[in-house]
Structure formats: structure tokens, C-alpha cells
């Protein structure tokens, strides 16, 4: 099955804003070679996002895949702008892993880590249960500011004709959100990177969009 951009995506995602009383060192989760300008910002993180997504996406003109992935996203500052750095993504489909690597995501294969029906993820050092106790009153204005930050991606590879090196961000087209719901979290205490963190906000989104590729950042 070929892999060719642009790809369309339909996602159902649950995102938690987490805070930790003791800052967490996320450097061990980052891919090798990420520049010090960002890795030094990963050494003591007290506030971050985790998203569990169930996704259907095309991989070429006439083929699609279904997969589940969990992204750990850290707010950082680069080039004078706040950005959201996905330090690691756990995914259960090899095509998503390969495509993510080429785009600049640090994806790790994690078959069997995600519950088949619930936003529950179990891996060494990661114990997430993002089930809810019902809806919470709120709207777009109640989303954490980190939700709106642009993604920051790092690429560093040269394989045959495929080459990329440097900071990049996603190109996203035809974006449409079809659902937004704020939720009461059923279990507030979570484990991320082997450390305890507390859910401060929980929300669910459904959206669809097209990714034609990425573009480089001059930072």
C-alpha cells in the first residue's frame, strides 16, 4: 500500500491539561538530536497536554487506515513564539508511525497500549485514564491557551531521496470541528513519564482536515 500526501483525517480526541506539583523532566522521551534550544525547556515541565485520538486517515488516493494514538505535548518558546512540541507520540499503526516520522513527529509503536473502547492507555511510565463523569458547562473560551498553539516539529533524516533537517510545522487545510465538549474527569491523578500529574481540564473534540505536508520554520 503506497503512502502519498495529501492525506485526509477524521479524528475523535480527548485532551487533558495536566499539572504536576514537582516539575517533570521530559528529556528522556524526546528523540535524539533535538536542539538544546528546546530540550532545555523539557527538563522541568509543570504544565502540559496529553491527547488520545482515534483516527481514520487516508494514506493515498484510494486507501485509508484506522489507528489510535496518544500525544504528549509540551509548551515551549522558539523564535519569539509560543509553540506546542509533541515530545512523543504512541501509535498502534505502522503507516501512521512512518508518516509521522517523515513529518517530524517522534512516534513510537505501541500496539495493545490503548483500550479498544475507552480513553485509557497503559505503557511503562504512562498510566492514563481520561474517562469522564459527565459534561461540564463551558465553551471555546474555556479551552486552555495551549490548545491553540501551533505544533513544533523536528526532522533530521536523509534516506535516499527523502531528506529533511530542521524545525517544521504542519500545513493544515479544510479544517472543520464538528464537536467540542468540556468534561468532568473521573480520575484526576495520572502518571506521565513515570511521574504524578493532576488533570486540571478535560475536553473532547471531533474534527476533520487535510494535511498536504509541512513547511520549514526560520527560527
Protein backbone atom coordinates (compact mmCIF):
# COMPACT_ATOMS: atom_id res chain seq x y z
CA UNK A 1 0.00 0.00 0.00
CA UNK A 2 1.57 3.34 -1.03
CA UNK A 3 1.93 6.36 1.24
CA UNK A 4 1.39 9.69 -0.51
CA UNK A 5 0.30 13.11 0.73
CA UNK A 6 -2.03 14.95 0.92
CA UNK A 7 -3.96 12.85 3.46
CA UNK A 8 -7.39 13.49 4.94
CA UNK A 9 -8.11 12.90 8.64
CA UNK A 10 -11.23 12.36 10.74
CA UNK A 11 -10.45 12.41 14.48
CA UNK A 12 -12.25 11.91 17.78
CA UNK A 13 -9.93 13.15 20.51
CA UNK A 14 -9.89 13.55 24.26
CA UNK A 15 -7.36 16.01 25.70
CA UNK A 16 -6.29 16.60 29.28
CA UNK A 17 -4.46 19.62 30.63
CA UNK A 18 -2.18 18.27 33.36
CA UNK A 19 -0.15 19.97 36.06
CA UNK A 20 2.48 18.44 38.29
CA UNK A 21 3.48 19.65 41.75
CA UNK A 22 7.06 18.54 41.10
CA UNK A 23 8.37 19.53 37.64
CA UNK A 24 8.78 16.60 35.23
CA UNK A 25 11.88 16.01 33.13
CA UNK A 26 10.64 15.07 29.64
CA UNK A 27 14.09 14.99 28.02
CA UNK A 28 14.32 11.16 28.16
CA UNK A 29 11.19 10.95 25.97
CA UNK A 30 12.47 13.28 23.24
CA UNK A 31 14.03 11.92 20.06
CA UNK A 32 17.79 12.04 19.82
CA UNK A 33 19.20 15.18 18.24
CA UNK A 34 16.54 17.74 19.17
CA UNK A 35 18.44 21.04 19.57
CA UNK A 36 19.26 22.36 23.04
CA UNK A 37 17.08 25.43 22.43
CA UNK A 38 14.08 23.15 23.03
CA UNK A 39 15.46 20.24 25.07
CA UNK A 40 16.49 22.56 27.91
CA UNK A 41 12.83 23.62 28.13
CA UNK A 42 11.83 19.98 28.64
CA UNK A 43 13.89 19.47 31.79
CA UNK A 44 11.38 20.92 34.30
CA UNK A 45 7.79 20.96 32.97
CA UNK A 46 4.86 21.64 35.28
CA UNK A 47 2.02 22.07 32.74
CA UNK A 48 1.36 20.11 29.54
CA UNK A 49 -1.29 18.45 27.36
CA UNK A 50 -1.97 14.79 26.63
CA UNK A 51 -4.33 13.81 23.78
CA UNK A 52 -5.76 10.38 23.00
CA UNK A 53 -7.15 10.24 19.44
CA UNK A 54 -9.00 7.66 17.40
CA UNK A 55 -8.32 8.45 13.78
CA UNK A 56 -9.30 7.41 10.29
CA UNK A 57 -6.98 8.82 7.63
CA UNK A 58 -6.18 8.30 4.01
CA UNK A 59 -2.65 7.22 3.12
CA UNK A 60 -3.07 7.63 -0.64
CA UNK A 61 -5.84 8.40 -3.08
CA UNK A 62 -7.84 5.20 -2.53
CA UNK A 63 -6.65 3.70 0.78
CA UNK A 64 -7.38 4.55 4.41
CA UNK A 65 -6.26 3.30 7.82
CA UNK A 66 -7.72 3.38 11.34
CA UNK A 67 -5.47 3.92 14.34
CA UNK A 68 -5.28 5.21 17.88
CA UNK A 69 -2.50 7.44 19.16
CA UNK A 70 -1.53 9.30 22.32
CA UNK A 71 0.43 12.55 22.09
CA UNK A 72 2.32 14.18 24.96
CA UNK A 73 2.62 17.88 24.09
CA UNK A 74 4.85 20.39 25.87
CA UNK A 75 4.53 24.19 25.52
CA UNK A 76 7.88 25.70 24.52
CA UNK A 77 9.12 29.01 23.17
CA UNK A 78 11.15 29.23 19.97
CA UNK A 79 11.85 32.18 17.70
CA UNK A 80 9.95 34.52 19.99
CA UNK A 81 6.71 32.50 19.72
CA UNK A 82 4.96 30.02 21.98
CA UNK A 83 4.55 26.62 20.33
CA UNK A 84 3.41 23.13 21.28
CA UNK A 85 6.08 20.43 20.97
CA UNK A 86 4.82 16.82 20.74
CA UNK A 87 7.71 15.27 22.63
CA UNK A 88 6.46 11.72 21.99
CA UNK A 89 3.50 10.01 20.29
CA UNK A 90 2.47 6.41 20.92
CA UNK A 91 0.65 4.89 17.94
CA UNK A 92 -0.68 1.46 17.02
CA UNK A 93 -0.38 1.51 13.20
CA UNK A 94 2.89 1.28 11.31
CA UNK A 95 1.75 3.54 8.46
CA UNK A 96 0.96 6.33 10.91
CA UNK A 97 4.35 5.78 12.53
CA UNK A 98 6.22 6.07 9.21
CA UNK A 99 4.23 9.09 8.02
CA UNK A 100 4.64 10.78 11.40
CA UNK A 101 8.41 10.30 11.32
CA UNK A 102 8.63 11.88 7.87
CA UNK A 103 6.52 14.85 9.00
CA UNK A 104 8.59 15.40 12.16
CA UNK A 105 6.74 13.57 14.95
CA UNK A 106 8.65 11.33 17.36
CA UNK A 107 6.32 8.32 17.11
CA UNK A 108 6.78 5.01 18.94
CA UNK A 109 4.93 1.83 18.03
CA UNK A 110 2.63 0.81 20.88
CA UNK A 111 0.32 -1.98 19.77
CA UNK A 112 -2.06 -3.03 22.54
CA UNK A 113 -1.39 0.00 24.73
CA UNK A 114 -4.76 1.64 24.04
CA UNK A 115 -8.07 0.33 25.32
CA UNK A 116 -10.28 -0.63 22.39
CA UNK A 117 -13.25 1.46 23.53
CA UNK A 118 -12.14 3.88 26.29
CA UNK A 119 -9.55 6.72 26.52
CA UNK A 120 -7.31 4.51 28.67
CA UNK A 121 -3.62 3.99 27.91
CA UNK A 122 -1.14 1.75 29.72
CA UNK A 123 2.58 1.73 28.97
CA UNK A 124 5.75 1.70 31.08
CA UNK A 125 5.79 5.10 32.79
CA UNK A 126 2.38 6.05 31.33
CA UNK A 127 -0.92 5.29 33.09
CA UNK A 128 -3.75 7.37 31.63
CA UNK A 129 -7.45 7.09 32.32
CA UNK A 130 -9.29 10.00 30.69
CA UNK A 131 -12.80 8.72 31.20
CA UNK A 132 -15.32 11.34 32.34
CA UNK A 133 -18.05 11.84 34.94
CA UNK A 134 -20.27 13.76 32.55
CA UNK A 135 -20.38 17.10 30.74
CA UNK A 136 -19.18 20.39 32.15
CA UNK A 137 -20.63 23.80 31.30
CA UNK A 138 -18.30 25.77 29.04
CA UNK A 139 -17.35 26.68 25.51
CA UNK A 140 -14.40 27.55 23.28
CA UNK A 141 -13.28 30.34 25.59
CA UNK A 142 -12.72 27.80 28.39
CA UNK A 143 -10.14 25.77 26.48
CA UNK A 144 -6.60 26.09 27.83
CA UNK A 145 -4.46 28.55 25.85
CA UNK A 146 -2.02 25.74 24.97
CA UNK A 147 -4.73 24.17 22.81
CA UNK A 148 -4.41 26.97 20.25
CA UNK A 149 -0.62 26.91 19.91
CA UNK A 150 0.92 25.82 16.57
CA UNK A 151 2.75 22.50 16.58
CA UNK A 152 6.54 22.47 16.53
CA UNK A 153 8.13 19.53 14.70
CA UNK A 154 11.75 18.42 14.34
CA UNK A 155 13.14 16.45 11.37
CA UNK A 156 16.63 15.10 10.84
CA UNK A 157 16.95 12.35 8.23
CA UNK A 158 18.49 11.57 4.87
CA UNK A 159 17.36 8.30 3.30
CA UNK A 160 17.79 8.01 -0.48
CA UNK A 161 15.82 10.95 -1.93
CA UNK A 162 13.94 11.65 1.31
CA UNK A 163 15.74 14.40 3.22
CA UNK A 164 14.71 16.90 5.86
CA UNK A 165 16.53 18.74 8.61
CA UNK A 166 15.28 21.46 10.89
CA UNK A 167 12.20 22.86 12.59
CA UNK A 168 8.88 22.50 10.79
CA UNK A 169 5.17 22.88 11.38
CA UNK A 170 2.11 21.25 9.85
CA UNK A 171 0.20 22.61 6.89
CA UNK A 172 -3.49 22.07 7.65
CA UNK A 173 -6.28 22.70 5.15
CA UNK A 174 -10.09 22.35 5.09
CA UNK A 175 -10.28 22.24 8.88
CA UNK A 176 -13.73 21.66 10.38
CA UNK A 177 -14.57 20.96 14.01
CA UNK A 178 -17.81 19.03 14.47
CA UNK A 179 -17.82 18.61 18.25
CA UNK A 180 -16.48 20.30 21.37
CA UNK A 181 -17.42 19.16 24.88
CA UNK A 182 -15.90 20.09 28.23
CA UNK A 183 -15.94 17.20 30.68
CA UNK A 184 -15.59 16.37 34.36
CA UNK A 185 -12.66 13.99 34.75
CA UNK A 186 -13.43 10.76 36.62
CA UNK A 187 -9.83 10.15 37.73
CA UNK A 188 -7.77 13.25 38.35
CA UNK A 189 -4.45 11.63 39.19
CA UNK A 190 -2.46 10.30 36.22
CA UNK A 191 1.06 9.01 35.57
CA UNK A 192 3.12 10.52 32.73
CA UNK A 193 6.86 9.98 32.19
CA UNK A 194 6.80 7.96 35.38
CA UNK A 195 5.66 10.94 37.45
CA UNK A 196 2.37 12.00 39.01
CA UNK A 197 0.27 14.72 37.39
CA UNK A 198 -3.22 16.08 38.02
CA UNK A 199 -5.92 16.76 35.41
CA UNK A 200 -6.93 20.42 35.52
CA UNK A 201 -9.16 20.36 32.42
CA UNK A 202 -10.61 17.66 30.18
CA UNK A 203 -12.31 18.14 26.84
CA UNK A 204 -13.35 16.19 23.78
CA UNK A 205 -13.23 17.27 20.14
CA UNK A 206 -14.19 15.78 16.81
CA UNK A 207 -12.74 17.30 13.67
CA UNK A 208 -11.68 16.68 10.10
CA UNK A 209 -8.95 18.21 7.99
CA UNK A 210 -6.37 17.64 5.27
CA UNK A 211 -2.58 17.60 5.71
CA UNK A 212 -0.71 18.29 2.45
CA UNK A 213 2.66 18.33 4.24
CA UNK A 214 4.77 20.63 6.40
CA UNK A 215 6.78 23.80 5.91
CA UNK A 216 10.06 24.87 7.44
CA UNK A 217 10.37 27.45 10.19
CA UNK A 218 13.03 30.12 10.00
CA UNK A 219 13.99 30.12 13.69
